């Protein structure tokens, strides 16, 4: 699946959403109020929002306790953004 990635420079928020998906509900991830997971009607994670994304170091993201909650296609898109955050 394809993930759409956008970054709001003004508000410092990274948005990653599975293309074509519909968000039914959102919730903050456990232990991190700056990571918001978006769910479809079946309860699957279809999006990720990261507040203050430019303040997160790559090493901190790689060790983040909620990485395992993010599906691989979305995780790959987030990882790619962290590899080149100037997008």
N, C-alpha and C. Protein backbone atom coordinates (compact mmCIF):
# COMPACT_ATOMS: atom_id res chain seq x y z
N UNK A 1 0.84 -1.18 0.00
CA UNK A 1 0.00 0.00 0.00
C UNK A 1 0.88 1.24 0.00
N UNK A 2 0.33 2.30 -0.54
CA UNK A 2 1.06 3.55 -0.64
C UNK A 2 0.68 4.47 0.51
N UNK A 3 1.67 5.12 1.06
CA UNK A 3 1.42 6.07 2.15
C UNK A 3 1.67 7.48 1.64
N UNK A 4 0.80 8.39 2.02
CA UNK A 4 0.97 9.80 1.68
C UNK A 4 1.63 10.48 2.87
N UNK A 5 2.71 11.21 2.61
CA UNK A 5 3.46 11.88 3.66
C UNK A 5 3.41 13.38 3.43
N UNK A 6 3.11 14.11 4.48
CA UNK A 6 3.18 15.58 4.40
C UNK A 6 3.68 16.10 5.74
N UNK A 7 4.31 17.28 5.67
CA UNK A 7 4.85 17.89 6.86
C UNK A 7 4.38 19.34 6.92
N UNK A 8 3.77 19.70 8.01
CA UNK A 8 3.31 21.07 8.23
C UNK A 8 4.41 21.80 8.99
N UNK A 9 5.17 22.62 8.24
CA UNK A 9 6.30 23.33 8.85
C UNK A 9 5.85 24.32 9.91
N UNK A 10 4.73 24.97 9.67
CA UNK A 10 4.24 25.99 10.61
C UNK A 10 3.91 25.39 11.97
N UNK A 11 3.30 24.20 11.97
CA UNK A 11 2.88 23.58 13.23
C UNK A 11 3.78 22.42 13.66
N UNK A 12 4.79 22.12 12.84
CA UNK A 12 5.75 21.07 13.15
C UNK A 12 5.08 19.71 13.37
N UNK A 13 4.24 19.34 12.39
CA UNK A 13 3.51 18.07 12.47
C UNK A 13 3.77 17.25 11.22
N UNK A 14 4.15 16.00 11.42
CA UNK A 14 4.33 15.06 10.32
C UNK A 14 3.05 14.24 10.21
N UNK A 15 2.51 14.17 8.98
CA UNK A 15 1.30 13.40 8.71
C UNK A 15 1.66 12.26 7.76
N UNK A 16 1.29 11.04 8.11
CA UNK A 16 1.47 9.89 7.24
C UNK A 16 0.14 9.14 7.25
N UNK A 17 -0.41 8.93 6.04
CA UNK A 17 -1.71 8.27 5.93
C UNK A 17 -1.69 7.30 4.76
N UNK A 18 -2.25 6.14 4.98
CA UNK A 18 -2.37 5.15 3.92
C UNK A 18 -3.32 5.70 2.86
N UNK A 19 -2.86 5.73 1.62
CA UNK A 19 -3.65 6.28 0.52
C UNK A 19 -4.98 5.53 0.40
N UNK A 20 -6.05 6.29 0.23
CA UNK A 20 -7.37 5.71 0.04
C UNK A 20 -8.08 5.26 1.31
N UNK A 21 -7.44 5.40 2.44
CA UNK A 21 -8.06 4.95 3.69
C UNK A 21 -8.92 6.05 4.29
N UNK A 22 -9.86 5.64 5.10
CA UNK A 22 -10.73 6.57 5.82
C UNK A 22 -10.49 6.42 7.31
N UNK A 23 -10.31 7.55 7.96
CA UNK A 23 -10.06 7.54 9.40
C UNK A 23 -11.39 7.58 10.15
N UNK A 24 -11.58 6.61 11.03
CA UNK A 24 -12.81 6.56 11.82
C UNK A 24 -12.59 7.09 13.23
N UNK A 25 -11.35 7.00 13.72
CA UNK A 25 -11.05 7.41 15.09
C UNK A 25 -9.55 7.63 15.22
N UNK A 26 -9.18 8.47 16.15
CA UNK A 26 -7.77 8.74 16.45
C UNK A 26 -7.56 8.65 17.94
N UNK A 27 -6.33 8.30 18.32
CA UNK A 27 -6.01 8.21 19.73
C UNK A 27 -4.51 8.42 19.90
N UNK A 28 -4.12 8.99 21.02
CA UNK A 28 -2.70 9.14 21.30
C UNK A 28 -2.11 7.77 21.61
N UNK A 29 -0.87 7.58 21.19
CA UNK A 29 -0.19 6.32 21.45
C UNK A 29 0.18 6.23 22.92
N UNK A 30 0.30 5.01 23.40
CA UNK A 30 0.68 4.79 24.79
C UNK A 30 2.04 5.42 25.07
N UNK A 31 2.16 6.09 26.18
CA UNK A 31 3.42 6.68 26.64
C UNK A 31 3.93 7.84 25.79
N UNK A 32 3.11 8.37 24.87
CA UNK A 32 3.60 9.47 24.02
C UNK A 32 2.42 10.29 23.51
N UNK A 33 2.18 11.42 24.14
CA UNK A 33 1.07 12.27 23.72
C UNK A 33 1.38 13.00 22.42
N UNK A 34 2.62 12.92 21.92
CA UNK A 34 2.98 13.56 20.66
C UNK A 34 2.85 12.66 19.46
N UNK A 35 2.44 11.41 19.67
CA UNK A 35 2.24 10.46 18.58
C UNK A 35 0.77 10.08 18.57
N UNK A 36 0.10 10.39 17.48
CA UNK A 36 -1.33 10.13 17.35
C UNK A 36 -1.52 9.09 16.26
N UNK A 37 -2.23 8.03 16.58
CA UNK A 37 -2.52 6.97 15.62
C UNK A 37 -3.95 7.13 15.13
N UNK A 38 -4.13 6.98 13.82
CA UNK A 38 -5.44 7.07 13.19
C UNK A 38 -5.88 5.66 12.81
N UNK A 39 -7.14 5.33 13.12
CA UNK A 39 -7.66 3.99 12.90
C UNK A 39 -8.82 4.01 11.90
N UNK A 40 -8.95 2.93 11.13
CA UNK A 40 -10.11 2.79 10.27
C UNK A 40 -11.25 2.16 11.07
N UNK A 41 -12.38 1.93 10.43
CA UNK A 41 -13.56 1.41 11.14
C UNK A 41 -13.35 -0.01 11.66
N UNK A 42 -12.37 -0.75 11.11
CA UNK A 42 -12.08 -2.10 11.58
C UNK A 42 -11.04 -2.11 12.71
N UNK A 43 -10.53 -0.92 13.06
CA UNK A 43 -9.56 -0.83 14.15
C UNK A 43 -8.11 -0.92 13.73
N UNK A 44 -7.86 -0.96 12.42
CA UNK A 44 -6.49 -1.01 11.93
C UNK A 44 -5.87 0.39 11.86
N UNK A 45 -4.59 0.48 12.11
CA UNK A 45 -3.90 1.76 12.02
C UNK A 45 -3.72 2.12 10.54
N UNK A 46 -4.24 3.29 10.15
CA UNK A 46 -4.14 3.75 8.77
C UNK A 46 -3.43 5.10 8.66
N UNK A 47 -3.04 5.66 9.79
CA UNK A 47 -2.36 6.94 9.76
C UNK A 47 -1.61 7.22 11.04
N UNK A 48 -0.64 8.12 10.91
CA UNK A 48 0.20 8.51 12.03
C UNK A 48 0.38 10.02 11.96
N UNK A 49 0.26 10.67 13.10
CA UNK A 49 0.59 12.10 13.20
C UNK A 49 1.61 12.25 14.31
N UNK A 50 2.67 12.98 14.01
CA UNK A 50 3.72 13.20 15.01
C UNK A 50 3.84 14.69 15.25
N UNK A 51 3.54 15.09 16.48
CA UNK A 51 3.68 16.48 16.88
C UNK A 51 5.14 16.76 17.19
N UNK A 52 5.60 17.96 16.87
CA UNK A 52 6.99 18.38 17.13
C UNK A 52 7.98 17.43 16.46
N UNK A 53 7.65 17.00 15.25
CA UNK A 53 8.45 15.99 14.55
C UNK A 53 9.89 16.45 14.32
N UNK A 54 10.09 17.73 14.03
CA UNK A 54 11.46 18.19 13.75
C UNK A 54 12.35 18.17 14.99
N UNK A 55 11.76 18.03 16.15
CA UNK A 55 12.53 17.99 17.40
C UNK A 55 12.96 16.58 17.79
N UNK A 56 12.49 15.59 17.05
CA UNK A 56 12.79 14.20 17.38
C UNK A 56 14.05 13.77 16.63
N UNK A 57 15.00 13.26 17.35
CA UNK A 57 16.24 12.75 16.75
C UNK A 57 15.98 11.37 16.15
N UNK A 58 16.68 11.04 15.08
CA UNK A 58 16.52 9.74 14.43
C UNK A 58 16.77 8.60 15.41
N UNK A 59 17.78 8.74 16.25
CA UNK A 59 18.08 7.67 17.22
C UNK A 59 16.94 7.49 18.22
N UNK A 60 16.29 8.59 18.61
CA UNK A 60 15.14 8.49 19.52
C UNK A 60 13.97 7.82 18.82
N UNK A 61 13.76 8.15 17.55
CA UNK A 61 12.66 7.53 16.80
C UNK A 61 12.92 6.04 16.63
N UNK A 62 14.15 5.67 16.33
CA UNK A 62 14.47 4.25 16.15
C UNK A 62 14.27 3.44 17.43
N UNK A 63 14.36 4.08 18.58
CA UNK A 63 14.18 3.41 19.87
C UNK A 63 12.78 3.65 20.45
N UNK A 64 11.91 4.30 19.69
CA UNK A 64 10.59 4.67 20.21
C UNK A 64 9.77 3.43 20.58
N UNK A 65 9.16 3.41 21.75
CA UNK A 65 8.43 2.22 22.20
C UNK A 65 7.16 1.92 21.40
N UNK A 66 6.66 2.88 20.64
CA UNK A 66 5.42 2.65 19.89
C UNK A 66 5.64 2.32 18.42
N UNK A 67 6.88 2.15 18.00
CA UNK A 67 7.15 1.78 16.60
C UNK A 67 6.41 0.51 16.21
N UNK A 68 6.33 -0.44 17.12
CA UNK A 68 5.71 -1.73 16.80
C UNK A 68 4.21 -1.63 16.57
N UNK A 69 3.59 -0.53 16.97
CA UNK A 69 2.15 -0.35 16.76
C UNK A 69 1.83 0.17 15.36
N UNK A 70 2.86 0.56 14.62
CA UNK A 70 2.67 1.17 13.31
C UNK A 70 2.91 0.13 12.22
N UNK A 71 1.95 -0.06 11.30
CA UNK A 71 2.13 -1.03 10.21
C UNK A 71 3.37 -0.70 9.38
N UNK A 72 3.97 -1.72 8.79
CA UNK A 72 5.24 -1.58 8.08
C UNK A 72 5.21 -0.55 6.97
N UNK A 73 4.11 -0.46 6.20
CA UNK A 73 4.08 0.51 5.10
C UNK A 73 4.13 1.94 5.63
N UNK A 74 3.42 2.20 6.71
CA UNK A 74 3.44 3.54 7.31
C UNK A 74 4.76 3.79 8.03
N UNK A 75 5.27 2.78 8.71
CA UNK A 75 6.54 2.90 9.41
C UNK A 75 7.66 3.22 8.42
N UNK A 76 7.65 2.56 7.26
CA UNK A 76 8.65 2.83 6.24
C UNK A 76 8.60 4.27 5.77
N UNK A 77 7.39 4.82 5.63
CA UNK A 77 7.24 6.21 5.20
C UNK A 77 7.74 7.17 6.28
N UNK A 78 7.47 6.86 7.54
CA UNK A 78 7.97 7.71 8.64
C UNK A 78 9.49 7.64 8.68
N UNK A 79 10.04 6.43 8.58
CA UNK A 79 11.50 6.27 8.60
C UNK A 79 12.15 7.03 7.45
N UNK A 80 11.54 6.98 6.28
CA UNK A 80 12.09 7.70 5.13
C UNK A 80 12.08 9.20 5.39
N UNK A 81 11.01 9.71 6.00
CA UNK A 81 10.97 11.14 6.31
C UNK A 81 12.09 11.51 7.28
N UNK A 82 12.30 10.69 8.30
CA UNK A 82 13.36 10.98 9.26
C UNK A 82 14.74 10.91 8.61
N UNK A 83 14.89 10.13 7.56
CA UNK A 83 16.17 10.06 6.85
C UNK A 83 16.42 11.32 6.02
N UNK A 84 15.32 12.03 5.67
CA UNK A 84 15.44 13.24 4.86
C UNK A 84 14.35 14.23 5.28
N UNK A 85 14.45 14.80 6.49
CA UNK A 85 13.37 15.64 7.02
C UNK A 85 13.18 16.99 6.33
N UNK A 86 14.03 17.35 5.41
CA UNK A 86 13.91 18.64 4.73
C UNK A 86 12.83 18.65 3.67
N UNK A 87 12.06 17.59 3.55
CA UNK A 87 11.03 17.47 2.51
C UNK A 87 9.96 18.51 2.65
